[in-house]
PDB file of N, CA and C in Angstrom:
ATOM      1  N   UNK A   1      -1.023  -0.988   5.607  1.00  0.00           N
ATOM      2  CA  UNK A   1      -1.386  -0.611   6.949  1.00  0.00           C
ATOM      3  C   UNK A   1      -2.476  -1.514   7.527  1.00  0.00           C
ATOM      4  N   UNK A   2      -2.858  -2.471   6.743  1.00  0.00           N
ATOM      5  CA  UNK A   2      -3.832  -3.444   7.211  1.00  0.00           C
ATOM      6  C   UNK A   2      -3.311  -4.179   8.437  1.00  0.00           C
ATOM      7  N   UNK A   3      -2.005  -4.349   8.531  1.00  0.00           N
ATOM      8  CA  UNK A   3      -1.426  -5.043   9.678  1.00  0.00           C
ATOM      9  C   UNK A   3      -1.715  -4.310  10.991  1.00  0.00           C
ATOM     10  N   UNK A   4      -1.785  -2.986  10.984  1.00  0.00           N
ATOM     11  CA  UNK A   4      -2.124  -2.218  12.193  1.00  0.00           C
ATOM     12  C   UNK A   4      -3.530  -2.611  12.658  1.00  0.00           C
ATOM     13  N   UNK A   5      -4.454  -2.657  11.721  1.00  0.00           N
ATOM     14  CA  UNK A   5      -5.838  -3.032  12.037  1.00  0.00           C
ATOM     15  C   UNK A   5      -5.895  -4.460  12.573  1.00  0.00           C
ATOM     16  N   UNK A   6      -5.212  -5.364  11.904  1.00  0.00           N
ATOM     17  CA  UNK A   6      -5.239  -6.761  12.330  1.00  0.00           C
ATOM     18  C   UNK A   6      -4.648  -6.950  13.723  1.00  0.00           C
ATOM     19  N   UNK A   7      -3.575  -6.236  14.032  1.00  0.00           N
ATOM     20  CA  UNK A   7      -2.968  -6.351  15.366  1.00  0.00           C
ATOM     21  C   UNK A   7      -3.909  -5.841  16.449  1.00  0.00           C
ATOM     22  N   UNK A   8      -4.580  -4.737  16.189  1.00  0.00           N
ATOM     23  CA  UNK A   8      -5.512  -4.201  17.185  1.00  0.00           C
ATOM     24  C   UNK A   8      -6.711  -5.131  17.372  1.00  0.00           C
ATOM     25  N   UNK A   9      -7.209  -5.685  16.272  1.00  0.00           N
ATOM     26  CA  UNK A   9      -8.346  -6.612  16.391  1.00  0.00           C
ATOM     27  C   UNK A   9      -7.924  -7.899  17.107  1.00  0.00           C
ATOM     28  N   UNK A  10      -6.703  -8.360  16.841  1.00  0.00           N
ATOM     29  CA  UNK A  10      -6.197  -9.548  17.533  1.00  0.00           C
ATOM     30  C   UNK A  10      -6.086  -9.287  19.031  1.00  0.00           C
ATOM     31  N   UNK A  11      -5.774  -8.042  19.394  1.00  0.00           N
ATOM     32  CA  UNK A  11      -5.701  -7.644  20.798  1.00  0.00           C
ATOM     33  C   UNK A  11      -7.069  -7.334  21.395  1.00  0.00           C
ATOM     34  N   UNK A  12      -8.106  -7.685  20.653  1.00  0.00           N
ATOM     35  CA  UNK A  12      -9.502  -7.517  21.088  1.00  0.00           C
ATOM     36  C   UNK A  12      -9.869  -6.053  21.339  1.00  0.00           C
ATOM     37  N   UNK A  13      -9.314  -5.175  20.513  1.00  0.00           N
ATOM     38  CA  UNK A  13      -9.670  -3.762  20.575  1.00  0.00           C
ATOM     39  C   UNK A  13     -10.839  -3.520  19.635  1.00  0.00           C
ATOM     40  N   UNK A  14     -11.777  -2.705  20.057  1.00  0.00           N
ATOM     41  CA  UNK A  14     -12.965  -2.429  19.254  1.00  0.00           C
ATOM     42  C   UNK A  14     -12.682  -1.248  18.325  1.00  0.00           C
ATOM     43  N   UNK A  15     -12.081  -1.530  17.194  1.00  0.00           N
ATOM     44  CA  UNK A  15     -11.740  -0.518  16.207  1.00  0.00           C
ATOM     45  C   UNK A  15     -12.910  -0.374  15.239  1.00  0.00           C
ATOM     46  N   UNK A  16     -13.525   0.796  15.219  1.00  0.00           N
ATOM     47  CA  UNK A  16     -14.675   1.036  14.354  1.00  0.00           C
ATOM     48  C   UNK A  16     -14.283   1.698  13.040  1.00  0.00           C
ATOM     49  N   UNK A  17     -13.276   2.556  13.085  1.00  0.00           N
ATOM     50  CA  UNK A  17     -12.871   3.286  11.887  1.00  0.00           C
ATOM     51  C   UNK A  17     -11.375   3.562  11.968  1.00  0.00           C
ATOM     52  N   UNK A  18     -10.694   3.449  10.818  1.00  0.00           N
ATOM     53  CA  UNK A  18      -9.260   3.681  10.745  1.00  0.00           C
ATOM     54  C   UNK A  18      -8.927   4.294   9.396  1.00  0.00           C
ATOM     55  N   UNK A  19      -8.133   5.355   9.413  1.00  0.00           N
ATOM     56  CA  UNK A  19      -7.644   5.936   8.173  1.00  0.00           C
ATOM     57  C   UNK A  19      -6.320   6.640   8.436  1.00  0.00           C
ATOM     58  N   UNK A  20      -5.611   6.907   7.354  1.00  0.00           N
ATOM     59  CA  UNK A  20      -4.313   7.568   7.443  1.00  0.00           C
ATOM     60  C   UNK A  20      -4.334   8.802   6.549  1.00  0.00           C
ATOM     61  N   UNK A  21      -3.963   9.939   7.124  1.00  0.00           N
ATOM     62  CA  UNK A  21      -3.765  11.168   6.356  1.00  0.00           C
ATOM     63  C   UNK A  21      -2.275  11.272   6.071  1.00  0.00           C
ATOM     64  N   UNK A  22      -1.930  11.607   4.834  1.00  0.00           N
ATOM     65  CA  UNK A  22      -0.524  11.683   4.438  1.00  0.00           C
ATOM     66  C   UNK A  22      -0.188  13.115   4.049  1.00  0.00           C
ATOM     67  N   UNK A  23       0.905  13.617   4.609  1.00  0.00           N
ATOM     68  CA  UNK A  23       1.435  14.925   4.256  1.00  0.00           C
ATOM     69  C   UNK A  23       2.876  14.693   3.813  1.00  0.00           C
ATOM     70  N   UNK A  24       3.224  15.182   2.625  1.00  0.00           N
ATOM     71  CA  UNK A  24       4.556  14.893   2.107  1.00  0.00           C
ATOM     72  C   UNK A  24       5.186  16.124   1.470  1.00  0.00           C
ATOM     73  N   UNK A  25       6.504  16.141   1.479  1.00  0.00           N
ATOM     74  CA  UNK A  25       7.285  17.159   0.783  1.00  0.00           C
ATOM     75  C   UNK A  25       8.055  16.467  -0.327  1.00  0.00           C
ATOM     76  N   UNK A  26       8.208  17.175  -1.441  1.00  0.00           N
ATOM     77  CA  UNK A  26       8.952  16.608  -2.566  1.00  0.00           C
ATOM     78  C   UNK A  26      10.152  17.500  -2.875  1.00  0.00           C
ATOM     79  N   UNK A  27      11.139  16.933  -3.518  1.00  0.00           N
ATOM     80  CA  UNK A  27      12.336  17.669  -3.915  1.00  0.00           C
ATOM     81  C   UNK A  27      11.970  18.753  -4.919  1.00  0.00           C
ATOM     82  N   UNK A  28      12.721  19.845  -4.900  1.00  0.00           N
ATOM     83  CA  UNK A  28      12.456  20.946  -5.824  1.00  0.00           C
ATOM     84  C   UNK A  28      12.966  20.631  -7.230  1.00  0.00           C
ATOM     85  N   UNK A  29      13.997  19.816  -7.317  1.00  0.00           N
ATOM     86  CA  UNK A  29      14.579  19.458  -8.610  1.00  0.00           C
ATOM     87  C   UNK A  29      14.057  18.109  -9.080  1.00  0.00           C
ATOM     88  N   UNK A  30      14.113  17.896 -10.377  1.00  0.00           N
ATOM     89  CA  UNK A  30      13.719  16.602 -10.940  1.00  0.00           C
ATOM     90  C   UNK A  30      14.818  15.587 -10.692  1.00  0.00           C
ATOM     91  N   UNK A  31      14.546  14.368 -10.401  1.00  0.00           N
ATOM     92  CA  UNK A  31      13.191  13.825 -10.216  1.00  0.00           C
ATOM     93  C   UNK A  31      12.615  14.298  -8.885  1.00  0.00           C
ATOM     94  N   UNK A  32      11.388  14.697  -8.889  1.00  0.00           N
ATOM     95  CA  UNK A  32      10.737  15.256  -7.702  1.00  0.00           C
ATOM     96  C   UNK A  32      10.277  14.120  -6.784  1.00  0.00           C
ATOM     97  N   UNK A  33      11.258  13.537  -6.124  1.00  0.00           N
ATOM     98  CA  UNK A  33      10.986  12.418  -5.221  1.00  0.00           C
ATOM     99  C   UNK A  33      10.533  12.944  -3.864  1.00  0.00           C
ATOM    100  N   UNK A  34       9.906  12.094  -3.098  1.00  0.00           N
ATOM    101  CA  UNK A  34       9.517  12.463  -1.744  1.00  0.00           C
ATOM    102  C   UNK A  34      10.765  12.626  -0.882  1.00  0.00           C
ATOM    103  N   UNK A  35      10.804  13.701  -0.115  1.00  0.00           N
ATOM    104  CA  UNK A  35      11.926  13.915   0.795  1.00  0.00           C
ATOM    105  C   UNK A  35      11.491  13.757   2.251  1.00  0.00           C
ATOM    106  N   UNK A  36      10.239  14.077   2.539  1.00  0.00           N
ATOM    107  CA  UNK A  36       9.682  13.915   3.877  1.00  0.00           C
ATOM    108  C   UNK A  36       8.236  13.453   3.750  1.00  0.00           C
ATOM    109  N   UNK A  37       7.861  12.534   4.625  1.00  0.00           N
ATOM    110  CA  UNK A  37       6.491  12.036   4.659  1.00  0.00           C
ATOM    111  C   UNK A  37       6.057  11.954   6.115  1.00  0.00           C
ATOM    112  N   UNK A  38       4.893  12.503   6.415  1.00  0.00           N
ATOM    113  CA  UNK A  38       4.308  12.324   7.748  1.00  0.00           C
ATOM    114  C   UNK A  38       2.977  11.610   7.586  1.00  0.00           C
ATOM    115  N   UNK A  39       2.831  10.529   8.322  1.00  0.00           N
ATOM    116  CA  UNK A  39       1.595   9.755   8.319  1.00  0.00           C
ATOM    117  C   UNK A  39       0.842  10.056   9.601  1.00  0.00           C
ATOM    118  N   UNK A  40      -0.411  10.437   9.485  1.00  0.00           N
ATOM    119  CA  UNK A  40      -1.233  10.638  10.674  1.00  0.00           C
ATOM    120  C   UNK A  40      -2.242   9.496  10.722  1.00  0.00           C
ATOM    121  N   UNK A  41      -2.044   8.603  11.677  1.00  0.00           N
ATOM    122  CA  UNK A  41      -2.933   7.468  11.877  1.00  0.00           C
ATOM    123  C   UNK A  41      -4.128   7.942  12.705  1.00  0.00           C
ATOM    124  N   UNK A  42      -5.326   7.668  12.228  1.00  0.00           N
ATOM    125  CA  UNK A  42      -6.556   8.071  12.908  1.00  0.00           C
ATOM    126  C   UNK A  42      -7.337   6.821  13.298  1.00  0.00           C
ATOM    127  N   UNK A  43      -7.672   6.722  14.571  1.00  0.00           N
ATOM    128  CA  UNK A  43      -8.377   5.560  15.104  1.00  0.00           C
ATOM    129  C   UNK A  43      -9.665   6.017  15.778  1.00  0.00           C
ATOM    130  N   UNK A  44     -10.743   5.328  15.494  1.00  0.00           N
ATOM    131  CA  UNK A  44     -12.001   5.559  16.189  1.00  0.00           C
ATOM    132  C   UNK A  44     -12.500   4.217  16.686  1.00  0.00           C
ATOM    133  N   UNK A  45     -12.884   4.169  17.946  1.00  0.00           N
ATOM    134  CA  UNK A  45     -13.403   2.941  18.529  1.00  0.00           C
ATOM    135  C   UNK A  45     -13.470   3.082  20.034  1.00  0.00           C
ATOM    136  N   UNK A  46     -13.944   2.054  20.671  1.00  0.00           N
ATOM    137  CA  UNK A  46     -14.025   2.088  22.131  1.00  0.00           C
ATOM    138  C   UNK A  46     -12.959   1.168  22.718  1.00  0.00           C
ATOM    139  N   UNK A  47     -12.398   1.584  23.835  1.00  0.00           N
ATOM    140  CA  UNK A  47     -11.390   0.774  24.507  1.00  0.00           C
ATOM    141  C   UNK A  47     -10.019   0.813  23.864  1.00  0.00           C
ATOM    142  N   UNK A  48      -9.784   1.762  22.975  1.00  0.00           N
ATOM    143  CA  UNK A  48      -8.462   1.878  22.363  1.00  0.00           C
ATOM    144  C   UNK A  48      -7.535   2.611  23.320  1.00  0.00           C
ATOM    145  N   UNK A  49      -6.382   2.028  23.588  1.00  0.00           N
ATOM    146  CA  UNK A  49      -5.437   2.670  24.491  1.00  0.00           C
ATOM    147  C   UNK A  49      -4.166   3.020  23.737  1.00  0.00           C
ATOM    148  N   UNK A  50      -3.488   4.044  24.220  1.00  0.00           N
ATOM    149  CA  UNK A  50      -2.298   4.572  23.561  1.00  0.00           C
ATOM    150  C   UNK A  50      -1.208   3.511  23.407  1.00  0.00           C
ATOM    151  N   UNK A  51      -0.992   2.714  24.436  1.00  0.00           N
ATOM    152  CA  UNK A  51       0.064   1.696  24.388  1.00  0.00           C
ATOM    153  C   UNK A  51      -0.167   0.699  23.251  1.00  0.00           C
ATOM    154  N   UNK A  52      -1.396   0.217  23.089  1.00  0.00           N
ATOM    155  CA  UNK A  52      -1.699  -0.751  22.030  1.00  0.00           C
ATOM    156  C   UNK A  52      -1.568  -0.136  20.648  1.00  0.00           C
ATOM    157  N   UNK A  53      -2.019   1.098  20.508  1.00  0.00           N
ATOM    158  CA  UNK A  53      -1.947   1.783  19.222  1.00  0.00           C
ATOM    159  C   UNK A  53      -0.490   2.007  18.814  1.00  0.00           C
ATOM    160  N   UNK A  54       0.316   2.530  19.712  1.00  0.00           N
ATOM    161  CA  UNK A  54       1.734   2.782  19.403  1.00  0.00           C
ATOM    162  C   UNK A  54       2.453   1.478  19.093  1.00  0.00           C
ATOM    163  N   UNK A  55       2.174   0.443  19.846  1.00  0.00           N
ATOM    164  CA  UNK A  55       2.808  -0.865  19.596  1.00  0.00           C
ATOM    165  C   UNK A  55       2.456  -1.388  18.205  1.00  0.00           C
ATOM    166  N   UNK A  56       1.189  -1.279  17.814  1.00  0.00           N
ATOM    167  CA  UNK A  56       0.760  -1.744  16.487  1.00  0.00           C
ATOM    168  C   UNK A  56       1.440  -0.935  15.380  1.00  0.00           C
ATOM    169  N   UNK A  57       1.520   0.381  15.547  1.00  0.00           N
ATOM    170  CA  UNK A  57       2.169   1.225  14.541  1.00  0.00           C
ATOM    171  C   UNK A  57       3.653   0.880  14.439  1.00  0.00           C
ATOM    172  N   UNK A  58       4.321   0.771  15.565  1.00  0.00           N
ATOM    173  CA  UNK A  58       5.759   0.469  15.555  1.00  0.00           C
ATOM    174  C   UNK A  58       6.054  -0.904  14.953  1.00  0.00           C
ATOM    175  N   UNK A  59       5.254  -1.913  15.296  1.00  0.00           N
ATOM    176  CA  UNK A  59       5.452  -3.243  14.700  1.00  0.00           C
ATOM    177  C   UNK A  59       5.236  -3.196  13.196  1.00  0.00           C
ATOM    178  N   UNK A  60       4.235  -2.461  12.764  1.00  0.00           N
ATOM    179  CA  UNK A  60       3.989  -2.323  11.337  1.00  0.00           C
ATOM    180  C   UNK A  60       5.201  -1.713  10.647  1.00  0.00           C
ATOM    181  N   UNK A  61       5.692  -0.628  11.200  1.00  0.00           N
ATOM    182  CA  UNK A  61       6.808   0.090  10.582  1.00  0.00           C
ATOM    183  C   UNK A  61       8.087  -0.748  10.566  1.00  0.00           C
ATOM    184  N   UNK A  62       8.402  -1.374  11.653  1.00  0.00           N
ATOM    185  CA  UNK A  62       9.698  -2.043  11.782  1.00  0.00           C
ATOM    186  C   UNK A  62       9.725  -3.487  11.291  1.00  0.00           C
ATOM    187  N   UNK A  63       8.558  -4.121  11.215  1.00  0.00           N
ATOM    188  CA  UNK A  63       8.566  -5.550  10.895  1.00  0.00           C
ATOM    189  C   UNK A  63       7.733  -5.926   9.671  1.00  0.00           C
ATOM    190  N   UNK A  64       6.562  -5.353   9.509  1.00  0.00           N
ATOM    191  CA  UNK A  64       5.615  -5.858   8.515  1.00  0.00           C
ATOM    192  C   UNK A  64       5.450  -5.013   7.257  1.00  0.00           C
ATOM    193  N   UNK A  65       5.681  -3.724   7.315  1.00  0.00           N
ATOM    194  CA  UNK A  65       5.393  -2.848   6.176  1.00  0.00           C
ATOM    195  C   UNK A  65       6.547  -2.835   5.178  1.00  0.00           C
ATOM    196  N   UNK A  66       6.329  -3.439   4.013  1.00  0.00           N
ATOM    197  CA  UNK A  66       7.364  -3.511   2.984  1.00  0.00           C
ATOM    198  C   UNK A  66       7.693  -2.130   2.417  1.00  0.00           C
ATOM    199  N   UNK A  67       6.703  -1.262   2.295  1.00  0.00           N
ATOM    200  CA  UNK A  67       6.943   0.073   1.756  1.00  0.00           C
ATOM    201  C   UNK A  67       7.837   0.874   2.703  1.00  0.00           C
ATOM    202  N   UNK A  68       7.530   0.831   3.995  1.00  0.00           N
ATOM    203  CA  UNK A  68       8.386   1.522   4.964  1.00  0.00           C
ATOM    204  C   UNK A  68       9.803   0.957   4.923  1.00  0.00           C
ATOM    205  N   UNK A  69       9.914  -0.353   4.885  1.00  0.00           N
ATOM    206  CA  UNK A  69      11.225  -0.985   4.839  1.00  0.00           C
ATOM    207  C   UNK A  69      12.034  -0.550   3.632  1.00  0.00           C
ATOM    208  N   UNK A  70      11.365  -0.341   2.502  1.00  0.00           N
ATOM    209  CA  UNK A  70      12.038   0.060   1.280  1.00  0.00           C
ATOM    210  C   UNK A  70      12.447   1.536   1.310  1.00  0.00           C
ATOM    211  N   UNK A  71      11.612   2.392   1.914  1.00  0.00           N
ATOM    212  CA  UNK A  71      11.841   3.833   1.855  1.00  0.00           C
ATOM    213  C   UNK A  71      12.573   4.436   3.049  1.00  0.00           C
ATOM    214  N   UNK A  72      12.632   3.738   4.159  1.00  0.00           N
ATOM    215  CA  UNK A  72      13.125   4.341   5.395  1.00  0.00           C
ATOM    216  C   UNK A  72      14.558   4.851   5.323  1.00  0.00           C
ATOM    217  N   UNK A  73      15.359   4.339   4.402  1.00  0.00           N
ATOM    218  CA  UNK A  73      16.745   4.776   4.297  1.00  0.00           C
ATOM    219  C   UNK A  73      16.915   5.984   3.375  1.00  0.00           C
ATOM    220  N   UNK A  74      15.871   6.314   2.612  1.00  0.00           N
ATOM    221  CA  UNK A  74      16.005   7.415   1.661  1.00  0.00           C
ATOM    222  C   UNK A  74      15.016   8.556   1.889  1.00  0.00           C
ATOM    223  N   UNK A  75      14.023   8.346   2.754  1.00  0.00           N
ATOM    224  CA  UNK A  75      13.004   9.358   3.003  1.00  0.00           C
ATOM    225  C   UNK A  75      12.808   9.487   4.512  1.00  0.00           C
ATOM    226  N   UNK A  76      12.669  10.724   4.983  1.00  0.00           N
ATOM    227  CA  UNK A  76      12.377  10.978   6.389  1.00  0.00           C
ATOM    228  C   UNK A  76      10.888  10.702   6.609  1.00  0.00           C
ATOM    229  N   UNK A  77      10.571   9.583   7.261  1.00  0.00           N
ATOM    230  CA  UNK A  77       9.181   9.188   7.470  1.00  0.00           C
ATOM    231  C   UNK A  77       8.865   9.288   8.967  1.00  0.00           C
ATOM    232  N   UNK A  78       7.912  10.154   9.291  1.00  0.00           N
ATOM    233  CA  UNK A  78       7.486  10.336  10.669  1.00  0.00           C
ATOM    234  C   UNK A  78       6.002  10.001  10.774  1.00  0.00           C
ATOM    235  N   UNK A  79       5.515   9.924  12.011  1.00  0.00           N
ATOM    236  CA  UNK A  79       4.089   9.687  12.169  1.00  0.00           C
ATOM    237  C   UNK A  79       3.561  10.360  13.428  1.00  0.00           C
ATOM    238  N   UNK A  80       2.277  10.600  13.390  1.00  0.00           N
ATOM    239  CA  UNK A  80       1.516  11.029  14.552  1.00  0.00           C
ATOM    240  C   UNK A  80       0.278  10.142  14.567  1.00  0.00           C
ATOM    241  N   UNK A  81      -0.474  10.215  15.647  1.00  0.00           N
ATOM    242  CA  UNK A  81      -1.706   9.432  15.717  1.00  0.00           C
ATOM    243  C   UNK A  81      -2.731  10.167  16.562  1.00  0.00           C
ATOM    244  N   UNK A  82      -3.981   9.827  16.310  1.00  0.00           N
ATOM    245  CA  UNK A  82      -5.075  10.387  17.092  1.00  0.00           C
ATOM    246  C   UNK A  82      -6.049   9.258  17.400  1.00  0.00           C
ATOM    247  N   UNK A  83      -6.421   9.169  18.660  1.00  0.00           N
ATOM    248  CA  UNK A  83      -7.370   8.144  19.107  1.00  0.00           C
ATOM    249  C   UNK A  83      -8.653   8.830  19.527  1.00  0.00           C
ATOM    250  N   UNK A  84      -9.755   8.432  18.934  1.00  0.00           N
ATOM    251  CA  UNK A  84     -11.068   8.959  19.291  1.00  0.00           C
ATOM    252  C   UNK A  84     -11.884   7.809  19.860  1.00  0.00           C
ATOM    253  N   UNK A  85     -12.082   7.808  21.175  1.00  0.00           N
ATOM    254  CA  UNK A  85     -12.871   6.762  21.814  1.00  0.00           C
ATOM    255  C   UNK A  85     -14.317   7.198  21.925  1.00  0.00           C
TER     256      UNK A  85
END
């Protein structure tokens, strides 16, 4: 998820703090693999706008994140985000 941070900084956004909360569901039977994952992206900084944040998250998911690319066909991966200016 470092790519999200780098994209926002490249766009001259003042990102002070960034973290991701993960909530996941696992299968009831073995192997207990992940069946659903929700990522909550949390951003703190000044001048952060929704359009830039969503664009950075979407580019990360669709182009740069190898883990998402590997799992997207077998796990329901969703996301939410919160911006604190």
